[in-house]
Amino acid sequence: MPGHIQSIESYSAEDNSSGLDDSDVQELRPDEFSSYFVESNGRLFHSSDTCPYPLPVDTPEQQRLNVIHNALFCLIGTHYVGPVPDLLMSEPGRQKIVVDMCSGTGKWVMEMAELYSHVHFYGLDIVPIATRYPLSNVTFELHDVAHRTRYQDGSIDLVHARSVSMTVRDYGEIIQEVKRILRPGGMLVSGEWGQQPLFHPSYNLDPARQTPCLSRFFQALQGALAHRGIPPVAGNIHARLQSAGGFAYITPQTHYLPIGSWSNDHTMQRVGKAFRTVLSRYMDSVRPIILDLGMNEADIDHLYANARAEVASAQGLVAVYYSVHARRM
């Protein structure tokens, strides 16, 4: 029977040996699933009144997220950056714990849990779209990451936070919660996608000149996100960690993922073709919030058609993934 999908109603600070408080944990009943979703213009969204996350959570979007997950693995070669294997090495007498914020379909959690069977993984998300049949060392929980989690201070070994910036209006809230729950020596692994078109540095091309319509699309998207109170954070999380204090060995990295099949590497050609489709689906997913700014349907249809034509012909176009790993002092 389905299991390990839990609803976390509130946080209580009662103490226990595992570093968790279970007093407000309830199993999600099958008849409760629909209450976490709302349909709009043929797409399925989360039903939360407080979370600003603007993207759909339906099957096409889940497929897009899974392609991104696989593309990142091809690009980076692992499911993480930084010395995660050393951090998660088994220690007699101590259960290691990983928290994945905004786990989505749960692929990262499930694949990591298979690699590290001695570690317990908790995947947090605002909607129940992860598998209902997780591994024995995996628990998926329903939780809005803008709120305090149920984990005790200094109890978590690793927090993984990938593509979470649209779920909060103040990314500093996530940093403070990560800072609270990580044990001394614990690690944050963060990753966010840049919200602008770029060309690989080796091409030395200006997106505004080479892909003007794609640039206009991203400008409109940035305006739509700003209208919802969601600021861009992808390239400055390392600076935010430095300002927050309490973190050491802050290591930012910039990763370039090709859009299209222009790469000389055969694997990246395949990934780039898939990511071109990912970008097209992303444009569809954010279309409603761009329309909310006042653009009419005809104008946005024209913009989208021209932007997609630019993407189809551009050489050297990349999506930029900004990762950071840092240790809790």
Protein backbone atom coordinates (compact mmCIF):
# COMPACT_ATOMS: atom_id res chain seq x y z
CA MET A 1 0.00 0.00 0.00
CA PRO A 2 1.18 3.59 -0.51
CA GLY A 3 3.23 4.99 2.31
CA HIS A 4 5.67 7.60 3.55
CA ILE A 5 3.75 10.59 2.17
CA GLN A 6 3.15 12.70 5.20
CA SER A 7 1.43 15.98 5.93
CA ILE A 8 3.27 18.32 8.27
CA GLU A 9 0.67 20.65 9.73
CA SER A 10 2.87 22.64 12.10
CA TYR A 11 6.17 22.61 13.97
CA SER A 12 6.55 21.60 17.58
CA ALA A 13 9.88 21.82 19.38
CA GLU A 14 9.56 18.66 21.45
CA ASP A 15 12.81 16.78 21.78
CA ASN A 16 13.62 13.28 20.61
CA SER A 17 16.75 11.32 19.82
CA SER A 18 16.39 11.38 16.03
CA GLY A 19 16.50 15.14 15.65
CA LEU A 20 12.87 15.14 14.47
CA ASP A 21 9.55 16.00 16.02
CA ASP A 22 6.82 13.57 14.97
CA SER A 23 3.95 15.02 16.98
CA ASP A 24 2.41 16.79 13.98
CA VAL A 25 3.07 14.15 11.32
CA GLN A 26 0.06 12.52 9.71
CA GLU A 27 -0.21 10.06 6.84
CA LEU A 28 -1.84 11.65 3.80
CA ARG A 29 -5.08 9.86 2.93
CA PRO A 30 -5.88 9.16 -0.76
CA ASP A 31 -8.98 11.38 -0.60
CA GLU A 32 -6.83 14.34 0.48
CA PHE A 33 -4.56 14.44 -2.57
CA SER A 34 -6.88 16.55 -4.73
CA SER A 35 -7.02 19.34 -2.16
CA TYR A 36 -3.37 20.19 -2.88
CA PHE A 37 -4.08 21.09 -6.52
CA VAL A 38 -6.10 23.63 -8.49
CA GLU A 39 -6.73 23.70 -12.26
CA SER A 40 -6.37 26.88 -14.31
CA ASN A 41 -6.44 27.24 -18.11
CA GLY A 42 -5.94 23.53 -18.59
CA ARG A 43 -2.88 23.30 -16.31
CA LEU A 44 -2.59 21.97 -12.76
CA PHE A 45 -1.07 24.20 -10.05
CA HIS A 46 -0.53 23.99 -6.29
CA SER A 47 -3.45 25.25 -4.22
CA SER A 48 -1.49 27.12 -1.54
CA ASP A 49 -2.62 30.68 -0.82
CA THR A 50 0.79 31.68 0.54
CA CYS A 51 3.45 30.03 -1.65
CA PRO A 52 4.41 32.26 -4.62
CA TYR A 53 5.62 29.36 -6.80
CA PRO A 54 4.13 30.19 -10.22
CA LEU A 55 4.79 27.08 -12.32
CA PRO A 56 2.40 24.18 -12.98
CA VAL A 57 2.84 20.87 -11.19
CA ASP A 58 1.16 18.63 -13.78
CA THR A 59 2.55 15.80 -15.91
CA PRO A 60 4.19 17.95 -18.64
CA GLU A 61 5.97 19.99 -15.97
CA GLN A 62 7.03 16.87 -14.07
CA GLN A 63 8.48 15.47 -17.30
CA ARG A 64 10.39 18.72 -17.80
CA LEU A 65 11.81 18.52 -14.28
CA ASN A 66 12.91 14.93 -14.83
CA VAL A 67 14.73 15.87 -18.05
CA ILE A 68 16.49 18.69 -16.19
CA HIS A 69 17.52 16.25 -13.46
CA ASN A 70 19.02 13.86 -16.01
CA ALA A 71 20.68 16.69 -17.95
CA LEU A 72 22.39 17.99 -14.81
CA PHE A 73 23.71 14.51 -14.07
CA CYS A 74 25.20 14.34 -17.59
CA LEU A 75 26.70 17.81 -17.19
CA ILE A 76 28.16 17.51 -13.68
CA GLY A 77 28.70 13.74 -13.57
CA THR A 78 27.14 13.32 -10.13
CA HIS A 79 23.97 14.31 -8.27
CA TYR A 80 25.81 16.93 -6.22
CA VAL A 81 28.75 19.29 -6.01
CA GLY A 82 31.28 19.24 -3.19
CA PRO A 83 32.60 16.48 -0.90
CA VAL A 84 29.24 14.81 -0.32
CA PRO A 85 30.60 11.20 -0.22
CA ASP A 86 32.91 12.07 2.67
CA LEU A 87 30.09 13.85 4.48
CA LEU A 88 27.68 10.91 4.14
CA MET A 89 30.20 8.21 5.03
CA SER A 90 28.73 5.78 7.54
CA GLU A 91 29.53 6.42 11.21
CA PRO A 92 28.80 3.74 13.81
CA GLY A 93 26.09 4.79 16.23
CA ARG A 94 24.82 7.80 14.27
CA GLN A 95 22.05 8.02 11.68
CA LYS A 96 22.94 10.43 8.90
CA ILE A 97 20.08 12.57 7.60
CA VAL A 98 19.60 14.49 4.35
CA VAL A 99 16.82 16.99 3.65
CA ASP A 100 15.91 17.84 0.06
CA MET A 101 13.96 21.09 -0.19
CA CYS A 102 11.34 21.29 -2.94
CA SER A 103 11.91 17.70 -4.00
CA GLY A 104 9.31 17.78 -6.79
CA THR A 105 9.08 14.38 -8.46
CA GLY A 106 11.59 13.01 -5.96
CA LYS A 107 14.10 11.70 -8.50
CA TRP A 108 17.09 13.27 -6.73
CA VAL A 109 16.03 11.83 -3.39
CA MET A 110 15.35 8.35 -4.74
CA GLU A 111 18.57 8.08 -6.73
CA MET A 112 20.68 9.40 -3.86
CA ALA A 113 18.93 7.09 -1.40
CA GLU A 114 19.84 4.13 -3.58
CA LEU A 115 23.49 5.20 -3.54
CA TYR A 116 23.54 5.86 0.21
CA SER A 117 21.29 3.20 1.68
CA HIS A 118 22.55 3.86 5.23
CA VAL A 119 21.37 7.51 5.09
CA HIS A 120 17.77 8.60 5.64
CA PHE A 121 16.44 11.10 3.12
CA TYR A 122 13.53 13.49 3.63
CA GLY A 123 12.01 15.15 0.57
CA LEU A 124 9.91 18.25 1.21
CA ASP A 125 7.45 19.72 -1.26
CA ILE A 126 4.20 21.65 -1.25
CA VAL A 127 2.40 19.10 -3.45
CA PRO A 128 2.33 15.26 -3.37
CA ILE A 129 3.84 14.50 -6.79
CA ALA A 130 6.68 12.20 -5.69
CA THR A 131 6.35 8.43 -5.91
CA ARG A 132 3.98 6.86 -3.41
CA TYR A 133 6.30 3.85 -3.17
CA PRO A 134 9.62 5.26 -1.94
CA LEU A 135 12.63 3.29 -0.79
CA SER A 136 12.75 2.27 2.86
CA ASN A 137 15.23 5.06 3.67
CA VAL A 138 13.10 7.77 2.03
CA THR A 139 10.25 9.83 3.46
CA PHE A 140 8.38 12.43 1.42
CA GLU A 141 6.66 15.17 3.39
CA LEU A 142 4.30 17.99 2.46
CA HIS A 143 5.79 21.25 3.62
CA ASP A 144 6.06 24.89 2.52
CA VAL A 145 9.78 25.71 2.73
CA ALA A 146 9.00 29.34 3.57
CA HIS A 147 8.02 28.04 7.02
CA ARG A 148 10.07 26.49 9.80
CA THR A 149 10.66 22.77 9.41
CA ARG A 150 10.18 20.18 12.15
CA TYR A 151 13.90 19.35 12.38
CA GLN A 152 15.79 20.23 15.52
CA ASP A 153 18.66 22.69 15.63
CA GLY A 154 21.93 21.20 14.40
CA SER A 155 20.44 17.82 13.48
CA ILE A 156 20.86 17.52 9.68
CA ASP A 157 23.97 16.42 7.79
CA LEU A 158 23.12 17.70 4.31
CA VAL A 159 20.52 20.07 2.89
CA HIS A 160 19.99 19.94 -0.86
CA ALA A 161 18.19 22.98 -2.31
CA ARG A 162 17.86 22.89 -6.09
CA SER A 163 15.58 25.27 -8.01
CA VAL A 164 13.88 26.55 -4.86
CA SER A 165 14.15 30.32 -5.40
CA MET A 166 10.64 30.69 -6.89
CA THR A 167 9.06 29.12 -3.80
CA VAL A 168 9.84 32.06 -1.52
CA ARG A 169 9.81 35.84 -1.72
CA ASP A 170 12.81 36.10 0.59
CA TYR A 171 15.58 33.58 -0.08
CA GLY A 172 17.12 34.67 3.21
CA GLU A 173 14.38 32.68 4.97
CA ILE A 174 15.71 29.49 3.42
CA ILE A 175 19.29 30.35 4.35
CA GLN A 176 18.33 30.99 7.97
CA GLU A 177 16.42 27.71 8.22
CA VAL A 178 19.29 25.78 6.63
CA LYS A 179 21.65 27.49 9.05
CA ARG A 180 19.44 26.43 11.96
CA ILE A 181 19.04 22.74 11.11
CA LEU A 182 22.51 21.89 9.80
CA ARG A 183 24.85 20.33 12.32
CA PRO A 184 28.35 21.83 12.69
CA GLY A 185 30.28 20.54 9.69
CA GLY A 186 27.06 19.82 7.81
CA MET A 187 26.70 20.98 4.22
CA LEU A 188 24.37 22.98 2.04
CA VAL A 189 24.30 22.13 -1.66
CA SER A 190 22.42 24.75 -3.64
CA GLY A 191 21.67 25.12 -7.35
CA GLU A 192 19.67 27.66 -9.34
CA TRP A 193 19.18 28.39 -13.04
CA GLY A 194 19.92 31.84 -14.39
CA GLN A 195 16.92 33.69 -15.79
CA GLN A 196 18.58 35.17 -18.85
CA PRO A 197 19.88 33.92 -22.21
CA LEU A 198 23.64 33.62 -22.51
CA PHE A 199 26.18 32.31 -24.96
CA HIS A 200 29.08 30.12 -23.92
CA PRO A 201 32.06 32.36 -23.02
CA SER A 202 34.09 30.85 -25.86
CA TYR A 203 31.63 32.33 -28.38
CA ASN A 204 31.88 35.92 -27.11
CA LEU A 205 28.41 36.83 -28.42
CA ASP A 206 25.89 39.36 -27.12
CA PRO A 207 22.43 37.79 -26.51
CA ALA A 208 20.69 41.13 -27.02
CA ARG A 209 22.07 41.24 -30.57
CA GLN A 210 22.04 37.56 -31.46
CA THR A 211 18.74 36.52 -29.82
CA PRO A 212 16.74 39.73 -29.24
CA CYS A 213 13.34 38.04 -28.97
CA LEU A 214 14.61 35.43 -26.52
CA SER A 215 16.12 38.28 -24.51
CA ARG A 216 12.76 40.07 -24.53
CA PHE A 217 11.06 36.90 -23.32
CA PHE A 218 13.39 36.65 -20.33
CA GLN A 219 12.97 40.36 -19.60
CA ALA A 220 9.21 39.85 -19.55
CA LEU A 221 9.65 36.81 -17.30
CA GLN A 222 11.84 38.73 -14.87
CA GLY A 223 9.18 41.44 -14.75
CA ALA A 224 6.47 38.87 -14.09
CA LEU A 225 8.46 37.29 -11.27
CA ALA A 226 9.25 40.70 -9.77
CA HIS A 227 5.53 41.52 -9.90
CA ARG A 228 4.97 38.45 -7.71
CA GLY A 229 7.73 39.46 -5.32
CA ILE A 230 10.23 36.85 -6.49
CA PRO A 231 13.68 38.41 -6.98
CA PRO A 232 16.53 36.85 -9.00
CA VAL A 233 19.03 35.07 -6.74
CA ALA A 234 20.79 32.49 -8.93
CA GLY A 235 24.17 34.17 -9.23
CA ASN A 236 24.45 35.64 -5.74
CA ILE A 237 23.61 32.85 -3.29
CA HIS A 238 27.28 32.57 -2.31
CA ALA A 239 27.26 36.27 -1.37
CA ARG A 240 24.07 35.78 0.64
CA LEU A 241 25.70 32.92 2.54
CA GLN A 242 28.71 35.09 3.31
CA SER A 243 26.46 37.87 4.58
CA ALA A 244 24.39 35.47 6.69
CA GLY A 245 27.46 34.22 8.55
CA GLY A 246 27.86 30.78 10.03
CA PHE A 247 29.10 29.17 6.80
CA ALA A 248 32.63 28.31 5.70
CA TYR A 249 34.28 26.93 2.56
CA ILE A 250 31.63 28.66 0.43
CA THR A 251 32.32 27.41 -3.09
CA PRO A 252 30.37 28.81 -6.06
CA GLN A 253 30.56 27.22 -9.50
CA THR A 254 29.09 28.15 -12.87
CA HIS A 255 27.97 25.37 -15.21
CA TYR A 256 27.09 25.87 -18.88
CA LEU A 257 24.54 23.50 -20.38
CA PRO A 258 24.14 23.72 -24.18
CA ILE A 259 20.76 24.56 -25.66
CA GLY A 260 20.62 22.84 -29.04
CA SER A 261 22.98 20.36 -30.69
CA TRP A 262 25.91 22.70 -31.36
CA SER A 263 28.34 21.06 -28.89
CA ASN A 264 31.26 18.98 -30.19
CA ASP A 265 30.61 16.43 -27.45
CA HIS A 266 28.16 13.71 -28.50
CA THR A 267 26.59 13.42 -25.05
CA MET A 268 26.13 17.18 -24.81
CA GLN A 269 24.62 17.21 -28.30
CA ARG A 270 21.94 14.84 -27.07
CA VAL A 271 21.47 16.78 -23.84
CA GLY A 272 21.34 20.06 -25.72
CA LYS A 273 18.59 18.85 -28.03
CA ALA A 274 16.57 17.72 -25.02
CA PHE A 275 17.19 21.00 -23.25
CA ARG A 276 15.91 22.95 -26.24
CA THR A 277 12.59 21.18 -25.66
CA VAL A 278 12.90 21.91 -21.93
CA LEU A 279 13.21 25.63 -22.68
CA SER A 280 10.19 25.53 -24.98
CA ARG A 281 8.10 23.82 -22.28
CA TYR A 282 9.35 26.32 -19.73
CA MET A 283 8.11 29.14 -21.93
CA ASP A 284 4.68 27.49 -21.98
CA SER A 285 4.72 27.05 -18.20
CA VAL A 286 5.45 30.72 -17.45
CA ARG A 287 3.16 32.08 -20.17
CA PRO A 288 0.23 32.72 -17.75
CA ILE A 289 2.27 34.95 -15.44
CA ILE A 290 3.62 36.93 -18.40
CA LEU A 291 0.07 37.41 -19.66
CA ASP A 292 -0.83 38.69 -16.18
CA LEU A 293 1.48 41.65 -16.83
CA GLY A 294 -0.87 42.87 -19.55
CA MET A 295 0.64 41.45 -22.75
CA ASN A 296 -2.04 40.39 -25.21
CA GLU A 297 -2.21 36.93 -26.74
CA ALA A 298 -1.20 38.03 -30.23
CA ASP A 299 1.91 39.85 -29.01
CA ILE A 300 3.06 36.95 -26.87
CA ASP A 301 2.39 34.46 -29.68
CA HIS A 302 4.61 36.56 -31.96
CA LEU A 303 7.32 36.90 -29.31
CA TYR A 304 7.32 33.18 -28.57
CA ALA A 305 7.46 32.17 -32.23
CA ASN A 306 10.43 34.44 -32.90
CA ALA A 307 12.23 33.42 -29.71
CA ARG A 308 11.86 29.74 -30.57
CA ALA A 309 13.17 30.38 -34.06
CA GLU A 310 16.23 32.08 -32.58
CA VAL A 311 16.83 29.14 -30.24
CA ALA A 312 16.56 26.69 -33.15
CA SER A 313 19.31 28.42 -35.12
CA ALA A 314 21.61 29.85 -32.42
CA GLN A 315 25.07 28.36 -32.00
CA GLY A 316 26.66 28.51 -28.55
CA LEU A 317 23.47 29.25 -26.60
CA VAL A 318 23.58 27.93 -23.03
CA ALA A 319 21.50 27.62 -19.91
CA VAL A 320 23.55 28.64 -16.89
CA TYR A 321 23.35 26.65 -13.65
CA TYR A 322 24.83 28.28 -10.56
CA SER A 323 25.80 25.84 -7.82
CA VAL A 324 27.14 26.54 -4.35
CA HIS A 325 28.28 24.21 -1.61
CA ALA A 326 29.15 25.42 1.87
CA ARG A 327 29.89 23.99 5.31
CA ARG A 328 28.10 24.96 8.49
CA MET A 329 30.54 26.36 11.03
